Amino acid sequence: MEISASQSTKIRVAILLLFSLFVMRAFAQDRVQASQIIEDIREGKEITYSNVIVTGDLDFTYMEDKLPDLPKKSKWWDGGNGNTLEESIDVRISFTNCIFENDVLAYIHEDESGYTFIADFDKDVVFSNCEFKRNAMFKYSDFDGKADFSGSKFLRETTFKYAEFDEMADFSNTLFDDDATFKYAEFDEGVSFRSALFEESWNIKYMKARGDFDIQNIEVKDDIDAKYTKINGDSFTKYMLNSKN
């Protein structure tokens, strides 16, 4: 049976459309609500996502749920430390090649009430090759398992101030587009910043690191504040001098 020119054209167009749909599907990223992820954590489910876009604030502290049941500042405020609430995340967290459109929060200070909300992580935490489009706040967080942020891009404010890492932490091949704060952070079993790029400043003042401290091919375009930093007991300057010998 012969196929006319018009039929041949229609077949080619149909094939092209099918191919285009296949390509779009192959490269499309599903969208996941942050609230669903938090609900799964509460139910004790291990969190594993690849190639998804996370929408909404990913609040590991559960602040929105806790705040309404807390006493008002005028009733309890005495300048003490009773205004800090900690949440333990006791499931493994793994995100690979994911995009976070809103804030990722393991630390929140709520100005109106005066309360501070913190999340600690009892098991491994993986944010590998991810993109944080807004704030990534991990101030005061304890990471009991491995912490892997390798290959990720931090495009807004980022802080790991006072964070504690009990096992090896990986920040290799990361991009920090804004100031990166690791002030007072502690790394007990080593950390890698190999090939990390800091577009602004890198604050590691008072930071303490034990074990391997890998900063090969690191690039900091602004300044490094390493005052009182200790690398295996040595100052940051002494460590740098020794590493060149």
Protein backbone atom coordinates (compact mmCIF):
# COMPACT_ATOMS: atom_id res chain seq x y z
CA MET A 1 0.00 0.00 0.00
CA GLU A 2 1.39 3.34 -1.02
CA ILE A 3 1.48 6.21 1.45
CA SER A 4 0.69 9.65 0.18
CA ALA A 5 2.91 12.63 0.88
CA SER A 6 0.34 14.11 3.29
CA GLN A 7 0.05 10.83 5.20
CA SER A 8 3.83 10.56 5.40
CA THR A 9 4.01 14.06 6.84
CA LYS A 10 1.35 13.26 9.44
CA ILE A 11 3.24 10.12 10.50
CA ARG A 12 6.49 12.06 10.89
CA VAL A 13 4.73 14.73 12.95
CA ALA A 14 3.14 12.06 15.17
CA ILE A 15 6.49 10.36 15.71
CA LEU A 16 8.11 13.71 16.53
CA LEU A 17 5.39 14.52 19.07
CA LEU A 18 5.73 11.14 20.74
CA PHE A 19 9.50 11.54 20.90
CA SER A 20 9.12 15.05 22.38
CA LEU A 21 6.75 13.77 25.06
CA PHE A 22 9.18 10.97 25.90
CA VAL A 23 12.09 13.42 26.26
CA MET A 24 10.03 15.81 28.37
CA ARG A 25 8.96 12.97 30.64
CA ALA A 26 12.51 11.69 30.94
CA PHE A 27 13.86 15.06 32.07
CA ALA A 28 10.86 16.32 34.03
CA GLN A 29 11.08 16.52 37.80
CA ASP A 30 8.12 15.58 39.94
CA ARG A 31 6.99 18.05 42.58
CA VAL A 32 6.66 17.09 46.24
CA GLN A 33 5.11 19.15 49.00
CA ALA A 34 7.41 19.78 51.97
CA SER A 35 4.46 19.20 54.29
CA GLN A 36 4.13 15.62 52.98
CA ILE A 37 7.81 14.96 53.71
CA ILE A 38 7.41 16.21 57.28
CA GLU A 39 4.32 14.05 57.74
CA ASP A 40 6.26 10.99 56.56
CA ILE A 41 9.06 11.76 59.03
CA ARG A 42 6.54 11.91 61.85
CA GLU A 43 5.24 8.50 60.83
CA GLY A 44 8.76 7.09 61.06
CA LYS A 45 9.25 6.64 57.32
CA GLU A 46 12.73 6.82 55.82
CA ILE A 47 12.98 9.76 53.44
CA THR A 48 14.50 9.02 50.03
CA TYR A 49 13.95 11.28 47.02
CA SER A 50 15.77 11.73 43.72
CA ASN A 51 15.15 14.23 40.94
CA VAL A 52 12.21 16.02 42.57
CA ILE A 53 11.31 19.64 43.23
CA VAL A 54 10.33 20.28 46.85
CA THR A 55 7.84 23.12 47.28
CA GLY A 56 7.01 24.90 50.52
CA ASP A 57 9.23 25.43 53.55
CA LEU A 58 10.84 22.18 54.68
CA ASP A 59 10.69 22.82 58.43
CA PHE A 60 12.37 20.05 60.41
CA THR A 61 11.70 21.94 63.67
CA TYR A 62 7.87 21.62 63.46
CA MET A 63 7.60 25.23 64.60
CA GLU A 64 4.16 25.86 63.11
CA ASP A 65 2.69 22.96 65.10
CA LYS A 66 4.43 23.76 68.36
CA LEU A 67 4.04 27.52 68.54
CA PRO A 68 0.27 27.75 69.18
CA ASP A 69 0.56 25.57 72.31
CA LEU A 70 3.42 27.53 73.87
CA PRO A 71 2.92 30.23 76.51
CA LYS A 72 3.21 33.81 75.35
CA LYS A 73 6.46 35.65 75.91
CA SER A 74 4.94 38.01 78.49
CA LYS A 75 4.01 35.05 80.71
CA TRP A 76 7.33 33.21 80.79
CA TRP A 77 10.16 35.39 79.56
CA ASP A 78 12.89 35.78 82.17
CA GLY A 79 15.97 35.98 79.96
CA GLY A 80 16.84 32.31 80.52
CA ASN A 81 17.34 29.38 78.13
CA GLY A 82 13.90 27.82 78.52
CA ASN A 83 12.85 29.32 75.22
CA THR A 84 14.73 26.79 73.05
CA LEU A 85 12.87 23.74 71.75
CA GLU A 86 14.73 20.88 70.07
CA GLU A 87 13.32 18.22 67.76
CA SER A 88 15.09 14.94 67.01
CA ILE A 89 14.75 13.60 63.47
CA ASP A 90 15.21 9.85 63.96
CA VAL A 91 14.89 8.62 60.37
CA ARG A 92 17.43 8.62 57.56
CA ILE A 93 17.14 11.60 55.22
CA SER A 94 18.29 11.33 51.59
CA PHE A 95 17.81 13.82 48.75
CA THR A 96 19.74 13.43 45.48
CA ASN A 97 19.53 15.84 42.54
CA CYS A 98 16.65 17.69 44.15
CA ILE A 99 15.65 21.34 44.04
CA PHE A 100 14.31 23.13 47.12
CA GLU A 101 12.24 26.11 46.02
CA ASN A 102 11.69 27.44 49.55
CA ASP A 103 13.54 27.50 52.86
CA VAL A 104 15.09 24.38 54.38
CA LEU A 105 14.98 24.93 58.11
CA ALA A 106 16.59 23.10 61.00
CA TYR A 107 16.83 26.37 62.90
CA ILE A 108 14.27 29.12 63.40
CA HIS A 109 14.26 32.02 65.83
CA GLU A 110 10.73 33.36 66.01
CA ASP A 111 11.09 37.04 66.87
CA GLU A 112 7.56 37.76 68.05
CA SER A 113 7.42 34.96 70.62
CA GLY A 114 11.15 34.86 71.40
CA TYR A 115 11.27 31.08 70.97
CA THR A 116 14.08 29.28 69.16
CA PHE A 117 13.39 26.00 67.35
CA ILE A 118 16.18 23.55 66.49
CA ALA A 119 16.27 20.17 64.75
CA ASP A 120 18.90 17.47 65.35
CA PHE A 121 19.51 14.51 63.07
CA ASP A 122 20.01 11.09 64.67
CA LYS A 123 20.84 9.21 61.45
CA ASP A 124 22.56 9.83 58.13
CA VAL A 125 21.62 13.00 56.26
CA VAL A 126 22.18 13.28 52.50
CA PHE A 127 21.60 16.38 50.37
CA SER A 128 23.74 15.38 47.38
CA ASN A 129 23.82 17.45 44.17
CA CYS A 130 20.86 19.47 45.37
CA GLU A 131 19.99 23.11 44.82
CA PHE A 132 18.84 25.30 47.70
CA LYS A 133 17.16 28.29 46.07
CA ARG A 134 16.40 30.00 49.36
CA ASN A 135 17.77 29.85 52.91
CA ALA A 136 19.38 26.71 54.30
CA MET A 137 19.53 27.02 58.09
CA PHE A 138 21.27 24.35 60.19
CA LYS A 139 22.43 26.49 63.11
CA TYR A 140 22.94 24.47 66.34
CA SER A 141 22.00 21.19 64.63
CA ASP A 142 23.65 17.96 65.80
CA PHE A 143 24.41 15.43 63.07
CA ASP A 144 24.88 12.03 64.74
CA GLY A 145 25.33 10.15 61.46
CA LYS A 146 27.12 11.01 58.25
CA ALA A 147 26.31 14.36 56.71
CA ASP A 148 26.65 14.53 52.92
CA PHE A 149 26.05 17.87 51.16
CA SER A 150 28.45 17.13 48.30
CA GLY A 151 27.85 18.80 44.96
CA SER A 152 25.04 20.99 46.26
CA LYS A 153 24.40 24.65 45.48
CA PHE A 154 23.45 27.09 48.22
CA LEU A 155 22.06 30.19 46.51
CA ARG A 156 20.93 32.22 49.53
CA GLU A 157 21.81 32.53 53.22
CA THR A 158 23.44 29.42 54.64
CA THR A 159 24.50 28.75 58.20
CA PHE A 160 25.98 25.78 60.02
CA LYS A 161 26.96 27.96 62.98
CA TYR A 162 27.38 25.88 66.17
CA ALA A 163 26.52 22.71 64.24
CA GLU A 164 28.17 19.50 65.47
CA PHE A 165 29.12 16.62 63.19
CA ASP A 166 29.84 13.31 64.95
CA GLU A 167 30.91 11.48 61.78
CA MET A 168 32.61 12.44 58.52
CA ALA A 169 30.99 15.45 56.82
CA ASP A 170 31.17 16.02 53.07
CA PHE A 171 30.88 19.48 51.51
CA SER A 172 33.03 18.68 48.47
CA ASN A 173 32.18 20.34 45.15
CA THR A 174 29.65 22.63 46.78
CA LEU A 175 28.78 26.15 45.68
CA PHE A 176 27.96 28.87 48.20
CA ASP A 177 26.60 31.89 46.34
CA ASP A 178 26.22 33.97 49.52
CA ASP A 179 28.23 34.19 52.76
CA ALA A 180 28.76 30.72 54.27
CA THR A 181 28.88 30.51 58.06
CA PHE A 182 30.53 27.62 59.87
CA LYS A 183 31.45 29.67 62.93
CA TYR A 184 31.79 27.50 66.08
CA ALA A 185 31.01 24.36 64.06
CA GLU A 186 32.67 21.13 65.25
CA PHE A 187 33.74 18.20 63.07
CA ASP A 188 34.72 15.16 65.15
CA GLU A 189 35.66 12.72 62.37
CA GLY A 190 36.87 14.93 59.55
CA VAL A 191 35.35 17.09 56.84
CA SER A 192 35.87 17.61 53.12
CA PHE A 193 35.52 20.96 51.38
CA ARG A 194 37.49 19.73 48.36
CA SER A 195 36.77 21.85 45.25
CA ALA A 196 34.16 23.94 47.07
CA LEU A 197 33.49 27.41 45.67
CA PHE A 198 32.61 30.31 47.96
CA GLU A 199 31.42 33.31 45.95
CA GLU A 200 31.42 35.48 49.08
CA SER A 201 33.11 35.03 52.47
CA TRP A 202 33.71 31.81 54.42
CA ASN A 203 33.37 32.25 58.17
CA ILE A 204 35.06 29.43 60.12
CA LYS A 205 35.90 31.50 63.20
CA TYR A 206 36.21 29.29 66.32
CA MET A 207 35.55 26.19 64.21
CA LYS A 208 37.13 22.93 65.42
CA ALA A 209 37.95 20.01 63.13
CA ARG A 210 39.53 16.67 64.02
CA GLY A 211 40.59 14.01 61.55
CA ASP A 212 40.94 14.63 57.81
CA PHE A 213 40.49 18.25 56.77
CA ASP A 214 40.40 18.34 52.97
CA ILE A 215 40.39 21.78 51.35
CA GLN A 216 42.21 20.92 48.13
CA ASN A 217 41.20 23.11 45.17
CA ILE A 218 38.97 25.26 47.35
CA GLU A 219 38.19 28.75 46.08
CA VAL A 220 37.03 31.65 48.27
CA LYS A 221 36.42 34.85 46.32
CA ASP A 222 36.04 37.09 49.36
CA ASP A 223 37.72 36.63 52.75
CA ILE A 224 38.21 33.69 55.13
CA ASP A 225 37.65 34.48 58.81
CA ALA A 226 39.65 31.76 60.56
CA LYS A 227 40.34 33.51 63.84
CA TYR A 228 40.72 30.96 66.69
CA THR A 229 39.99 28.09 64.29
CA LYS A 230 41.56 24.78 65.34
CA ILE A 231 42.46 21.97 62.93
CA ASN A 232 43.63 18.93 64.91
CA GLY A 233 44.74 21.32 67.63
CA ASP A 234 46.64 23.68 65.32
CA SER A 235 45.60 27.10 64.11
CA PHE A 236 44.28 27.38 60.58
CA THR A 237 47.42 29.26 59.53
CA LYS A 238 49.73 26.63 60.98
CA TYR A 239 47.71 23.88 59.35
CA MET A 240 48.05 25.59 55.98
CA LEU A 241 51.80 25.99 56.40
CA ASN A 242 52.24 22.35 57.46
CA SER A 243 50.13 21.07 54.57
CA LYS A 244 52.48 22.75 52.10
CA ASN A 245 55.53 20.96 53.53
